[in-house]
mmCIF file of all heavy atoms, coordinates in Angstrom:
data_MODEL
# 
_entry.id   MODEL 
# 
loop_
_atom_site.group_PDB 
_atom_site.id 
_atom_site.type_symbol 
_atom_site.label_atom_id 
_atom_site.label_alt_id 
_atom_site.label_comp_id 
_atom_site.label_asym_id 
_atom_site.label_entity_id 
_atom_site.label_seq_id 
_atom_site.pdbx_PDB_ins_code 
_atom_site.Cartn_x 
_atom_site.Cartn_y 
_atom_site.Cartn_z 
_atom_site.occupancy 
_atom_site.B_iso_or_equiv 
_atom_site.pdbx_formal_charge 
_atom_site.auth_seq_id 
_atom_site.auth_comp_id 
_atom_site.auth_asym_id 
_atom_site.auth_atom_id 
_atom_site.pdbx_PDB_model_num 
ATOM 1   N N   . LYS A 1 1  ? -9.558  21.056  -3.255  1.00 0.00 ? 1  LYS A N   1 
ATOM 2   C CA  . LYS A 1 1  ? -9.970  21.177  -4.670  1.00 0.00 ? 1  LYS A CA  1 
ATOM 3   C C   . LYS A 1 1  ? -11.359 20.850  -4.972  1.00 0.00 ? 1  LYS A C   1 
ATOM 4   O O   . LYS A 1 1  ? -11.834 21.121  -6.013  1.00 0.00 ? 1  LYS A O   1 
ATOM 5   C CB  . LYS A 1 1  ? -8.997  20.364  -5.582  1.00 0.00 ? 1  LYS A CB  1 
ATOM 6   C CG  . LYS A 1 1  ? -7.469  20.727  -5.484  1.00 0.00 ? 1  LYS A CG  1 
ATOM 7   C CD  . LYS A 1 1  ? -7.303  22.170  -5.815  1.00 0.00 ? 1  LYS A CD  1 
ATOM 8   C CE  . LYS A 1 1  ? -5.855  22.616  -5.521  1.00 0.00 ? 1  LYS A CE  1 
ATOM 9   N NZ  . LYS A 1 1  ? -5.731  24.052  -5.864  1.00 0.00 ? 1  LYS A NZ  1 
ATOM 10  N N   . ASN A 1 2  ? -12.051 20.043  -4.065  1.00 0.00 ? 2  ASN A N   1 
ATOM 11  C CA  . ASN A 1 2  ? -13.417 19.824  -4.159  1.00 0.00 ? 2  ASN A CA  1 
ATOM 12  C C   . ASN A 1 2  ? -13.811 19.253  -5.493  1.00 0.00 ? 2  ASN A C   1 
ATOM 13  O O   . ASN A 1 2  ? -14.673 19.823  -6.141  1.00 0.00 ? 2  ASN A O   1 
ATOM 14  C CB  . ASN A 1 2  ? -14.252 21.035  -3.850  1.00 0.00 ? 2  ASN A CB  1 
ATOM 15  C CG  . ASN A 1 2  ? -15.667 20.724  -3.628  1.00 0.00 ? 2  ASN A CG  1 
ATOM 16  O OD1 . ASN A 1 2  ? -16.076 19.642  -3.205  1.00 0.00 ? 2  ASN A OD1 1 
ATOM 17  N ND2 . ASN A 1 2  ? -16.640 21.635  -3.875  1.00 0.00 ? 2  ASN A ND2 1 
ATOM 18  N N   . PRO A 1 3  ? -13.229 18.119  -5.892  1.00 0.00 ? 3  PRO A N   1 
ATOM 19  C CA  . PRO A 1 3  ? -13.689 17.605  -7.175  1.00 0.00 ? 3  PRO A CA  1 
ATOM 20  C C   . PRO A 1 3  ? -15.018 16.873  -7.111  1.00 0.00 ? 3  PRO A C   1 
ATOM 21  O O   . PRO A 1 3  ? -15.523 16.564  -6.065  1.00 0.00 ? 3  PRO A O   1 
ATOM 22  C CB  . PRO A 1 3  ? -12.579 16.461  -7.408  1.00 0.00 ? 3  PRO A CB  1 
ATOM 23  C CG  . PRO A 1 3  ? -12.234 16.066  -6.073  1.00 0.00 ? 3  PRO A CG  1 
ATOM 24  C CD  . PRO A 1 3  ? -12.268 17.316  -5.213  1.00 0.00 ? 3  PRO A CD  1 
ATOM 25  N N   . ARG A 1 4  ? -15.641 16.743  -8.256  1.00 0.00 ? 4  ARG A N   1 
ATOM 26  C CA  . ARG A 1 4  ? -16.997 16.076  -8.252  1.00 0.00 ? 4  ARG A CA  1 
ATOM 27  C C   . ARG A 1 4  ? -16.790 14.592  -7.842  1.00 0.00 ? 4  ARG A C   1 
ATOM 28  O O   . ARG A 1 4  ? -17.734 13.899  -7.321  1.00 0.00 ? 4  ARG A O   1 
ATOM 29  C CB  . ARG A 1 4  ? -17.586 16.150  -9.623  1.00 0.00 ? 4  ARG A CB  1 
ATOM 30  C CG  . ARG A 1 4  ? -18.154 17.546  -9.875  1.00 0.00 ? 4  ARG A CG  1 
ATOM 31  C CD  . ARG A 1 4  ? -19.087 17.547  -11.121 1.00 0.00 ? 4  ARG A CD  1 
ATOM 32  N NE  . ARG A 1 4  ? -19.619 18.798  -11.384 1.00 0.00 ? 4  ARG A NE  1 
ATOM 33  C CZ  . ARG A 1 4  ? -20.406 19.067  -12.403 1.00 0.00 ? 4  ARG A CZ  1 
ATOM 34  N NH1 . ARG A 1 4  ? -20.816 18.152  -13.294 1.00 0.00 ? 4  ARG A NH1 1 
ATOM 35  N NH2 . ARG A 1 4  ? -20.957 20.277  -12.544 1.00 0.00 ? 4  ARG A NH2 1 
ATOM 36  N N   . LEU A 1 5  ? -15.615 13.940  -8.279  1.00 0.00 ? 5  LEU A N   1 
ATOM 37  C CA  . LEU A 1 5  ? -15.312 12.546  -7.938  1.00 0.00 ? 5  LEU A CA  1 
ATOM 38  C C   . LEU A 1 5  ? -13.917 12.414  -7.524  1.00 0.00 ? 5  LEU A C   1 
ATOM 39  O O   . LEU A 1 5  ? -13.022 12.966  -8.164  1.00 0.00 ? 5  LEU A O   1 
ATOM 40  C CB  . LEU A 1 5  ? -15.646 11.718  -9.157  1.00 0.00 ? 5  LEU A CB  1 
ATOM 41  C CG  . LEU A 1 5  ? -15.216 10.230  -9.059  1.00 0.00 ? 5  LEU A CG  1 
ATOM 42  C CD1 . LEU A 1 5  ? -16.156 9.559   -8.056  1.00 0.00 ? 5  LEU A CD1 1 
ATOM 43  C CD2 . LEU A 1 5  ? -15.432 9.505   -10.437 1.00 0.00 ? 5  LEU A CD2 1 
ATOM 44  N N   . TYR A 1 6  ? -13.748 11.708  -6.449  1.00 0.00 ? 6  TYR A N   1 
ATOM 45  C CA  . TYR A 1 6  ? -12.348 11.440  -5.877  1.00 0.00 ? 6  TYR A CA  1 
ATOM 46  C C   . TYR A 1 6  ? -12.148 9.918   -5.941  1.00 0.00 ? 6  TYR A C   1 
ATOM 47  O O   . TYR A 1 6  ? -12.911 9.173   -5.250  1.00 0.00 ? 6  TYR A O   1 
ATOM 48  C CB  . TYR A 1 6  ? -12.290 12.019  -4.405  1.00 0.00 ? 6  TYR A CB  1 
ATOM 49  C CG  . TYR A 1 6  ? -10.988 11.739  -3.763  1.00 0.00 ? 6  TYR A CG  1 
ATOM 50  C CD1 . TYR A 1 6  ? -9.758  11.501  -4.375  1.00 0.00 ? 6  TYR A CD1 1 
ATOM 51  C CD2 . TYR A 1 6  ? -10.891 11.691  -2.348  1.00 0.00 ? 6  TYR A CD2 1 
ATOM 52  C CE1 . TYR A 1 6  ? -8.627  11.241  -3.701  1.00 0.00 ? 6  TYR A CE1 1 
ATOM 53  C CE2 . TYR A 1 6  ? -9.709  11.563  -1.600  1.00 0.00 ? 6  TYR A CE2 1 
ATOM 54  C CZ  . TYR A 1 6  ? -8.605  11.293  -2.272  1.00 0.00 ? 6  TYR A CZ  1 
ATOM 55  O OH  . TYR A 1 6  ? -7.468  11.041  -1.631  1.00 0.00 ? 6  TYR A OH  1 
ATOM 56  N N   . VAL A 1 7  ? -11.138 9.481   -6.655  1.00 0.00 ? 7  VAL A N   1 
ATOM 57  C CA  . VAL A 1 7  ? -10.788 8.042   -6.862  1.00 0.00 ? 7  VAL A CA  1 
ATOM 58  C C   . VAL A 1 7  ? -9.452  7.722   -6.287  1.00 0.00 ? 7  VAL A C   1 
ATOM 59  O O   . VAL A 1 7  ? -8.477  8.446   -6.575  1.00 0.00 ? 7  VAL A O   1 
ATOM 60  C CB  . VAL A 1 7  ? -10.900 7.627   -8.281  1.00 0.00 ? 7  VAL A CB  1 
ATOM 61  C CG1 . VAL A 1 7  ? -10.583 6.106   -8.435  1.00 0.00 ? 7  VAL A CG1 1 
ATOM 62  C CG2 . VAL A 1 7  ? -12.281 7.919   -8.885  1.00 0.00 ? 7  VAL A CG2 1 
ATOM 63  N N   . LYS A 1 8  ? -9.393  6.719   -5.411  1.00 0.00 ? 8  LYS A N   1 
ATOM 64  C CA  . LYS A 1 8  ? -8.100  6.297   -4.843  1.00 0.00 ? 8  LYS A CA  1 
ATOM 65  C C   . LYS A 1 8  ? -7.949  4.791   -5.140  1.00 0.00 ? 8  LYS A C   1 
ATOM 66  O O   . LYS A 1 8  ? -8.722  3.971   -4.737  1.00 0.00 ? 8  LYS A O   1 
ATOM 67  C CB  . LYS A 1 8  ? -8.118  6.544   -3.356  1.00 0.00 ? 8  LYS A CB  1 
ATOM 68  C CG  . LYS A 1 8  ? -6.847  7.078   -2.864  1.00 0.00 ? 8  LYS A CG  1 
ATOM 69  C CD  . LYS A 1 8  ? -6.786  7.531   -1.451  1.00 0.00 ? 8  LYS A CD  1 
ATOM 70  C CE  . LYS A 1 8  ? -7.981  7.455   -0.616  1.00 0.00 ? 8  LYS A CE  1 
ATOM 71  N NZ  . LYS A 1 8  ? -7.802  8.034   0.800   1.00 0.00 ? 8  LYS A NZ  1 
ATOM 72  N N   . ILE A 1 9  ? -6.833  4.401   -5.797  1.00 0.00 ? 9  ILE A N   1 
ATOM 73  C CA  . ILE A 1 9  ? -6.485  2.987   -6.041  1.00 0.00 ? 9  ILE A CA  1 
ATOM 74  C C   . ILE A 1 9  ? -5.205  2.710   -5.265  1.00 0.00 ? 9  ILE A C   1 
ATOM 75  O O   . ILE A 1 9  ? -4.125  3.231   -5.732  1.00 0.00 ? 9  ILE A O   1 
ATOM 76  C CB  . ILE A 1 9  ? -6.333  2.658   -7.567  1.00 0.00 ? 9  ILE A CB  1 
ATOM 77  C CG1 . ILE A 1 9  ? -7.606  3.329   -8.373  1.00 0.00 ? 9  ILE A CG1 1 
ATOM 78  C CG2 . ILE A 1 9  ? -6.228  1.221   -7.783  1.00 0.00 ? 9  ILE A CG2 1 
ATOM 79  C CD1 . ILE A 1 9  ? -8.932  2.712   -7.985  1.00 0.00 ? 9  ILE A CD1 1 
ATOM 80  N N   . ILE A 1 10 ? -5.240  1.844   -4.318  1.00 0.00 ? 10 ILE A N   1 
ATOM 81  C CA  . ILE A 1 10 ? -4.049  1.544   -3.519  1.00 0.00 ? 10 ILE A CA  1 
ATOM 82  C C   . ILE A 1 10 ? -3.683  -0.004  -3.664  1.00 0.00 ? 10 ILE A C   1 
ATOM 83  O O   . ILE A 1 10 ? -4.546  -0.909  -3.287  1.00 0.00 ? 10 ILE A O   1 
ATOM 84  C CB  . ILE A 1 10 ? -4.340  1.864   -2.023  1.00 0.00 ? 10 ILE A CB  1 
ATOM 85  C CG1 . ILE A 1 10 ? -4.894  3.284   -1.855  1.00 0.00 ? 10 ILE A CG1 1 
ATOM 86  C CG2 . ILE A 1 10 ? -3.038  1.698   -1.204  1.00 0.00 ? 10 ILE A CG2 1 
ATOM 87  C CD1 . ILE A 1 10 ? -3.954  4.342   -2.411  1.00 0.00 ? 10 ILE A CD1 1 
ATOM 88  N N   . ASP A 1 11 ? -2.506  -0.291  -4.056  1.00 0.00 ? 11 ASP A N   1 
ATOM 89  C CA  . ASP A 1 11 ? -2.056  -1.626  -4.170  1.00 0.00 ? 11 ASP A CA  1 
ATOM 90  C C   . ASP A 1 11 ? -0.848  -1.768  -3.287  1.00 0.00 ? 11 ASP A C   1 
ATOM 91  O O   . ASP A 1 11 ? 0.289   -1.579  -3.558  1.00 0.00 ? 11 ASP A O   1 
ATOM 92  C CB  . ASP A 1 11 ? -1.536  -1.938  -5.605  1.00 0.00 ? 11 ASP A CB  1 
ATOM 93  C CG  . ASP A 1 11 ? -1.514  -3.464  -5.921  1.00 0.00 ? 11 ASP A CG  1 
ATOM 94  O OD1 . ASP A 1 11 ? -1.405  -4.165  -4.890  1.00 0.00 ? 11 ASP A OD1 1 
ATOM 95  O OD2 . ASP A 1 11 ? -1.517  -3.863  -7.105  1.00 0.00 ? 11 ASP A OD2 1 
ATOM 96  N N   . ALA A 1 12 ? -1.228  -2.021  -1.931  1.00 0.00 ? 12 ALA A N   1 
ATOM 97  C CA  . ALA A 1 12 ? -0.212  -2.193  -0.973  1.00 0.00 ? 12 ALA A CA  1 
ATOM 98  C C   . ALA A 1 12 ? -0.853  -2.907  0.275   1.00 0.00 ? 12 ALA A C   1 
ATOM 99  O O   . ALA A 1 12 ? -2.032  -2.769  0.537   1.00 0.00 ? 12 ALA A O   1 
ATOM 100 C CB  . ALA A 1 12 ? 0.310   -0.822  -0.519  1.00 0.00 ? 12 ALA A CB  1 
ATOM 101 N N   . CYS A 1 13 ? -0.126  -3.786  0.917   1.00 0.00 ? 13 CYS A N   1 
ATOM 102 C CA  . CYS A 1 13 ? -0.643  -4.464  2.121   1.00 0.00 ? 13 CYS A CA  1 
ATOM 103 C C   . CYS A 1 13 ? 0.373   -5.024  2.966   1.00 0.00 ? 13 CYS A C   1 
ATOM 104 O O   . CYS A 1 13 ? 1.496   -4.401  3.100   1.00 0.00 ? 13 CYS A O   1 
ATOM 105 C CB  . CYS A 1 13 ? -1.756  -5.358  1.808   1.00 0.00 ? 13 CYS A CB  1 
ATOM 106 S SG  . CYS A 1 13 ? -1.265  -6.828  0.699   1.00 0.00 ? 13 CYS A SG  1 
ATOM 107 N N   . GLN A 1 14 ? 0.186   -6.222  3.582   1.00 0.00 ? 14 GLN A N   1 
ATOM 108 C CA  . GLN A 1 14 ? 0.937   -6.425  4.832   1.00 0.00 ? 14 GLN A CA  1 
ATOM 109 C C   . GLN A 1 14 ? 2.165   -7.303  4.951   1.00 0.00 ? 14 GLN A C   1 
ATOM 110 O O   . GLN A 1 14 ? 2.910   -7.097  5.700   1.00 0.00 ? 14 GLN A O   1 
ATOM 111 C CB  . GLN A 1 14 ? -0.087  -6.876  5.859   1.00 0.00 ? 14 GLN A CB  1 
ATOM 112 C CG  . GLN A 1 14 ? -0.521  -8.320  5.645   1.00 0.00 ? 14 GLN A CG  1 
ATOM 113 C CD  . GLN A 1 14 ? -1.559  -8.715  6.711   1.00 0.00 ? 14 GLN A CD  1 
ATOM 114 O OE1 . GLN A 1 14 ? -2.259  -7.872  7.247   1.00 0.00 ? 14 GLN A OE1 1 
ATOM 115 N NE2 . GLN A 1 14 ? -1.578  -9.990  6.980   1.00 0.00 ? 14 GLN A NE2 1 
ATOM 116 N N   . SER A 1 15 ? 2.246   -8.342  4.185   1.00 0.00 ? 15 SER A N   1 
ATOM 117 C CA  . SER A 1 15 ? 3.339   -9.278  4.417   1.00 0.00 ? 15 SER A CA  1 
ATOM 118 C C   . SER A 1 15 ? 4.714   -8.855  3.826   1.00 0.00 ? 15 SER A C   1 
ATOM 119 O O   . SER A 1 15 ? 4.716   -8.102  2.881   1.00 0.00 ? 15 SER A O   1 
ATOM 120 C CB  . SER A 1 15 ? 2.960   -10.613 4.056   1.00 0.00 ? 15 SER A CB  1 
ATOM 121 O OG  . SER A 1 15 ? 2.563   -10.709 2.697   1.00 0.00 ? 15 SER A OG  1 
ATOM 122 N N   . GLY A 1 16 ? 5.778   -9.262  4.458   1.00 0.00 ? 16 GLY A N   1 
ATOM 123 C CA  . GLY A 1 16 ? 7.087   -8.720  4.099   1.00 0.00 ? 16 GLY A CA  1 
ATOM 124 C C   . GLY A 1 16 ? 8.026   -9.588  3.189   1.00 0.00 ? 16 GLY A C   1 
ATOM 125 O O   . GLY A 1 16 ? 9.177   -9.222  3.032   1.00 0.00 ? 16 GLY A O   1 
ATOM 126 N N   . PHE A 1 17 ? 7.514   -10.617 2.559   1.00 0.00 ? 17 PHE A N   1 
ATOM 127 C CA  . PHE A 1 17 ? 8.422   -11.347 1.656   1.00 0.00 ? 17 PHE A CA  1 
ATOM 128 C C   . PHE A 1 17 ? 8.464   -10.761 0.280   1.00 0.00 ? 17 PHE A C   1 
ATOM 129 O O   . PHE A 1 17 ? 7.744   -9.931  -0.030  1.00 0.00 ? 17 PHE A O   1 
ATOM 130 C CB  . PHE A 1 17 ? 7.979   -12.857 1.590   1.00 0.00 ? 17 PHE A CB  1 
ATOM 131 C CG  . PHE A 1 17 ? 8.380   -13.636 2.725   1.00 0.00 ? 17 PHE A CG  1 
ATOM 132 C CD1 . PHE A 1 17 ? 7.615   -13.620 3.898   1.00 0.00 ? 17 PHE A CD1 1 
ATOM 133 C CD2 . PHE A 1 17 ? 9.556   -14.312 2.746   1.00 0.00 ? 17 PHE A CD2 1 
ATOM 134 C CE1 . PHE A 1 17 ? 7.985   -14.296 5.017   1.00 0.00 ? 17 PHE A CE1 1 
ATOM 135 C CE2 . PHE A 1 17 ? 9.914   -15.136 3.820   1.00 0.00 ? 17 PHE A CE2 1 
ATOM 136 C CZ  . PHE A 1 17 ? 9.114   -15.002 4.991   1.00 0.00 ? 17 PHE A CZ  1 
ATOM 137 N N   . ALA A 1 18 ? 9.512   -11.159 -0.529  1.00 0.00 ? 18 ALA A N   1 
ATOM 138 C CA  . ALA A 1 18 ? 9.696   -10.568 -1.822  1.00 0.00 ? 18 ALA A CA  1 
ATOM 139 C C   . ALA A 1 18 ? 8.357   -10.663 -2.601  1.00 0.00 ? 18 ALA A C   1 
ATOM 140 O O   . ALA A 1 18 ? 7.806   -11.761 -2.750  1.00 0.00 ? 18 ALA A O   1 
ATOM 141 C CB  . ALA A 1 18 ? 10.746  -11.243 -2.517  1.00 0.00 ? 18 ALA A CB  1 
ATOM 142 N N   . TYR A 1 19 ? 8.080   -9.546  -3.193  1.00 0.00 ? 19 TYR A N   1 
ATOM 143 C CA  . TYR A 1 19 ? 6.903   -9.347  -4.022  1.00 0.00 ? 19 TYR A CA  1 
ATOM 144 C C   . TYR A 1 19 ? 5.515   -9.593  -3.352  1.00 0.00 ? 19 TYR A C   1 
ATOM 145 O O   . TYR A 1 19 ? 4.529   -9.802  -3.973  1.00 0.00 ? 19 TYR A O   1 
ATOM 146 C CB  . TYR A 1 19 ? 6.986   -10.274 -5.326  1.00 0.00 ? 19 TYR A CB  1 
ATOM 147 C CG  . TYR A 1 19 ? 8.349   -10.324 -5.827  1.00 0.00 ? 19 TYR A CG  1 
ATOM 148 C CD1 . TYR A 1 19 ? 8.933   -11.501 -6.197  1.00 0.00 ? 19 TYR A CD1 1 
ATOM 149 C CD2 . TYR A 1 19 ? 8.984   -9.081  -5.994  1.00 0.00 ? 19 TYR A CD2 1 
ATOM 150 C CE1 . TYR A 1 19 ? 10.247  -11.503 -6.722  1.00 0.00 ? 19 TYR A CE1 1 
ATOM 151 C CE2 . TYR A 1 19 ? 10.320  -9.079  -6.558  1.00 0.00 ? 19 TYR A CE2 1 
ATOM 152 C CZ  . TYR A 1 19 ? 10.902  -10.281 -6.956  1.00 0.00 ? 19 TYR A CZ  1 
ATOM 153 O OH  . TYR A 1 19 ? 12.112  -10.266 -7.381  1.00 0.00 ? 19 TYR A OH  1 
ATOM 154 N N   . ILE A 1 20 ? 5.606   -9.654  -1.995  1.00 0.00 ? 20 ILE A N   1 
ATOM 155 C CA  . ILE A 1 20 ? 4.333   -9.653  -1.245  1.00 0.00 ? 20 ILE A CA  1 
ATOM 156 C C   . ILE A 1 20 ? 4.283   -8.359  -0.438  1.00 0.00 ? 20 ILE A C   1 
ATOM 157 O O   . ILE A 1 20 ? 5.181   -8.255  0.467   1.00 0.00 ? 20 ILE A O   1 
ATOM 158 C CB  . ILE A 1 20 ? 4.214   -10.915 -0.350  1.00 0.00 ? 20 ILE A CB  1 
ATOM 159 C CG1 . ILE A 1 20 ? 4.330   -12.142 -1.160  1.00 0.00 ? 20 ILE A CG1 1 
ATOM 160 C CG2 . ILE A 1 20 ? 2.830   -10.884 0.436   1.00 0.00 ? 20 ILE A CG2 1 
ATOM 161 C CD1 . ILE A 1 20 ? 4.198   -13.437 -0.326  1.00 0.00 ? 20 ILE A CD1 1 
ATOM 162 N N   . LYS A 1 21 ? 3.402   -7.535  -0.647  1.00 0.00 ? 21 LYS A N   1 
ATOM 163 C CA  . LYS A 1 21 ? 3.655   -6.089  -0.281  1.00 0.00 ? 21 LYS A CA  1 
ATOM 164 C C   . LYS A 1 21 ? 3.362   -5.838  1.127   1.00 0.00 ? 21 LYS A C   1 
ATOM 165 O O   . LYS A 1 21 ? 2.274   -5.940  1.644   1.00 0.00 ? 21 LYS A O   1 
ATOM 166 C CB  . LYS A 1 21 ? 2.784   -5.163  -1.122  1.00 0.00 ? 21 LYS A CB  1 
ATOM 167 C CG  . LYS A 1 21 ? 3.169   -5.251  -2.597  1.00 0.00 ? 21 LYS A CG  1 
ATOM 168 C CD  . LYS A 1 21 ? 2.310   -4.289  -3.324  1.00 0.00 ? 21 LYS A CD  1 
ATOM 169 C CE  . LYS A 1 21 ? 2.806   -4.360  -4.825  1.00 0.00 ? 21 LYS A CE  1 
ATOM 170 N NZ  . LYS A 1 21 ? 2.029   -3.405  -5.660  1.00 0.00 ? 21 LYS A NZ  1 
ATOM 171 N N   . SER A 1 22 ? 4.381   -5.283  1.841   1.00 0.00 ? 22 SER A N   1 
ATOM 172 C CA  . SER A 1 22 ? 4.232   -4.761  3.121   1.00 0.00 ? 22 SER A CA  1 
ATOM 173 C C   . SER A 1 22 ? 5.692   -4.270  3.494   1.00 0.00 ? 22 SER A C   1 
ATOM 174 O O   . SER A 1 22 ? 6.493   -4.099  2.544   1.00 0.00 ? 22 SER A O   1 
ATOM 175 C CB  . SER A 1 22 ? 3.878   -5.804  4.212   1.00 0.00 ? 22 SER A CB  1 
ATOM 176 O OG  . SER A 1 22 ? 3.747   -5.127  5.411   1.00 0.00 ? 22 SER A OG  1 
ATOM 177 N N   . LEU A 1 23 ? 5.882   -3.852  4.724   1.00 0.00 ? 23 LEU A N   1 
ATOM 178 C CA  . LEU A 1 23 ? 7.099   -3.344  5.101   1.00 0.00 ? 23 LEU A CA  1 
ATOM 179 C C   . LEU A 1 23 ? 7.952   -4.373  5.896   1.00 0.00 ? 23 LEU A C   1 
ATOM 180 O O   . LEU A 1 23 ? 7.386   -5.033  6.777   1.00 0.00 ? 23 LEU A O   1 
ATOM 181 C CB  . LEU A 1 23 ? 6.774   -2.040  6.024   1.00 0.00 ? 23 LEU A CB  1 
ATOM 182 C CG  . LEU A 1 23 ? 7.909   -1.161  6.216   1.00 0.00 ? 23 LEU A CG  1 
ATOM 183 C CD1 . LEU A 1 23 ? 8.419   -0.598  4.871   1.00 0.00 ? 23 LEU A CD1 1 
ATOM 184 C CD2 . LEU A 1 23 ? 7.416   0.029   7.084   1.00 0.00 ? 23 LEU A CD2 1 
ATOM 185 N N   . ASN A 1 24 ? 9.296   -4.436  5.626   1.00 0.00 ? 24 ASN A N   1 
ATOM 186 C CA  . ASN A 1 24 ? 10.032  -5.303  6.303   1.00 0.00 ? 24 ASN A CA  1 
ATOM 187 C C   . ASN A 1 24 ? 11.261  -4.619  6.864   1.00 0.00 ? 24 ASN A C   1 
ATOM 188 O O   . ASN A 1 24 ? 12.391  -4.488  6.177   1.00 0.00 ? 24 ASN A O   1 
ATOM 189 C CB  . ASN A 1 24 ? 10.589  -6.486  5.384   1.00 0.00 ? 24 ASN A CB  1 
ATOM 190 C CG  . ASN A 1 24 ? 11.148  -7.612  6.170   1.00 0.00 ? 24 ASN A CG  1 
ATOM 191 O OD1 . ASN A 1 24 ? 11.692  -7.464  7.343   1.00 0.00 ? 24 ASN A OD1 1 
ATOM 192 N ND2 . ASN A 1 24 ? 11.297  -8.798  5.531   1.00 0.00 ? 24 ASN A ND2 1 
ATOM 193 N N   . TYR A 1 25 ? 11.177  -4.043  8.080   1.00 0.00 ? 25 TYR A N   1 
ATOM 194 C CA  . TYR A 1 25 ? 12.252  -3.336  8.750   1.00 0.00 ? 25 TYR A CA  1 
ATOM 195 C C   . TYR A 1 25 ? 12.842  -4.339  9.758   1.00 0.00 ? 25 TYR A C   1 
ATOM 196 O O   . TYR A 1 25 ? 12.187  -4.633  10.740  1.00 0.00 ? 25 TYR A O   1 
ATOM 197 C CB  . TYR A 1 25 ? 11.781  -2.124  9.469   1.00 0.00 ? 25 TYR A CB  1 
ATOM 198 C CG  . TYR A 1 25 ? 11.496  -1.001  8.483   1.00 0.00 ? 25 TYR A CG  1 
ATOM 199 C CD1 . TYR A 1 25 ? 10.210  -0.780  8.045   1.00 0.00 ? 25 TYR A CD1 1 
ATOM 200 C CD2 . TYR A 1 25 ? 12.442  -0.075  8.093   1.00 0.00 ? 25 TYR A CD2 1 
ATOM 201 C CE1 . TYR A 1 25 ? 9.853   0.249   7.246   1.00 0.00 ? 25 TYR A CE1 1 
ATOM 202 C CE2 . TYR A 1 25 ? 12.116  0.964   7.286   1.00 0.00 ? 25 TYR A CE2 1 
ATOM 203 C CZ  . TYR A 1 25 ? 10.857  1.141   6.763   1.00 0.00 ? 25 TYR A CZ  1 
ATOM 204 O OH  . TYR A 1 25 ? 10.542  2.132   6.016   1.00 0.00 ? 25 TYR A OH  1 
ATOM 205 N N   . LYS A 1 26 ? 14.041  -4.844  9.479   1.00 0.00 ? 26 LYS A N   1 
ATOM 206 C CA  . LYS A 1 26 ? 14.611  -5.828  10.336  1.00 0.00 ? 26 LYS A CA  1 
ATOM 207 C C   . LYS A 1 26 ? 13.719  -6.844  10.803  1.00 0.00 ? 26 LYS A C   1 
ATOM 208 O O   . LYS A 1 26 ? 13.458  -7.172  11.938  1.00 0.00 ? 26 LYS A O   1 
ATOM 209 C CB  . LYS A 1 26 ? 15.135  -5.028  11.666  1.00 0.00 ? 26 LYS A CB  1 
ATOM 210 C CG  . LYS A 1 26 ? 16.218  -4.022  11.260  1.00 0.00 ? 26 LYS A CG  1 
ATOM 211 C CD  . LYS A 1 26 ? 16.721  -3.250  12.495  1.00 0.00 ? 26 LYS A CD  1 
ATOM 212 C CE  . LYS A 1 26 ? 17.662  -2.159  12.193  1.00 0.00 ? 26 LYS A CE  1 
ATOM 213 N NZ  . LYS A 1 26 ? 18.117  -1.472  13.349  1.00 0.00 ? 26 LYS A NZ  1 
ATOM 214 N N   . ASN A 1 27 ? 13.091  -7.528  9.836   1.00 0.00 ? 27 ASN A N   1 
ATOM 215 C CA  . ASN A 1 27 ? 12.208  -8.639  9.969   1.00 0.00 ? 27 ASN A CA  1 
ATOM 216 C C   . ASN A 1 27 ? 10.900  -8.283  10.568  1.00 0.00 ? 27 ASN A C   1 
ATOM 217 O O   . ASN A 1 27 ? 10.139  -9.174  11.093  1.00 0.00 ? 27 ASN A O   1 
ATOM 218 C CB  . ASN A 1 27 ? 12.879  -9.844  10.785  1.00 0.00 ? 27 ASN A CB  1 
ATOM 219 C CG  . ASN A 1 27 ? 14.063  -10.287 10.067  1.00 0.00 ? 27 ASN A CG  1 
ATOM 220 O OD1 . ASN A 1 27 ? 14.029  -10.512 8.836   1.00 0.00 ? 27 ASN A OD1 1 
ATOM 221 N ND2 . ASN A 1 27 ? 15.137  -10.628 10.815  1.00 0.00 ? 27 ASN A ND2 1 
ATOM 222 N N   . LYS A 1 28 ? 10.536  -6.996  10.618  1.00 0.00 ? 28 LYS A N   1 
ATOM 223 C CA  . LYS A 1 28 ? 9.261   -6.617  11.144  1.00 0.00 ? 28 LYS A CA  1 
ATOM 224 C C   . LYS A 1 28 ? 8.218   -6.489  10.002  1.00 0.00 ? 28 LYS A C   1 
ATOM 225 O O   . LYS A 1 28 ? 8.397   -5.753  9.082   1.00 0.00 ? 28 LYS A O   1 
ATOM 226 C CB  . LYS A 1 28 ? 9.363   -5.332  11.850  1.00 0.00 ? 28 LYS A CB  1 
ATOM 227 C CG  . LYS A 1 28 ? 10.139  -5.334  13.210  1.00 0.00 ? 28 LYS A CG  1 
ATOM 228 C CD  . LYS A 1 28 ? 9.971   -4.104  13.953  1.00 0.00 ? 28 LYS A CD  1 
ATOM 229 C CE  . LYS A 1 28 ? 10.662  -4.226  15.274  1.00 0.00 ? 28 LYS A CE  1 
ATOM 230 N NZ  . LYS A 1 28 ? 10.561  -2.929  16.106  1.00 0.00 ? 28 LYS A NZ  1 
# 
């Protein structure tokens, strides 16, 4: 689409406890 401006806002990261963002597959 070749926009003049491309903005990405990502709210996600690494740890797996409740409300601390990451992935927890079988304690991984």
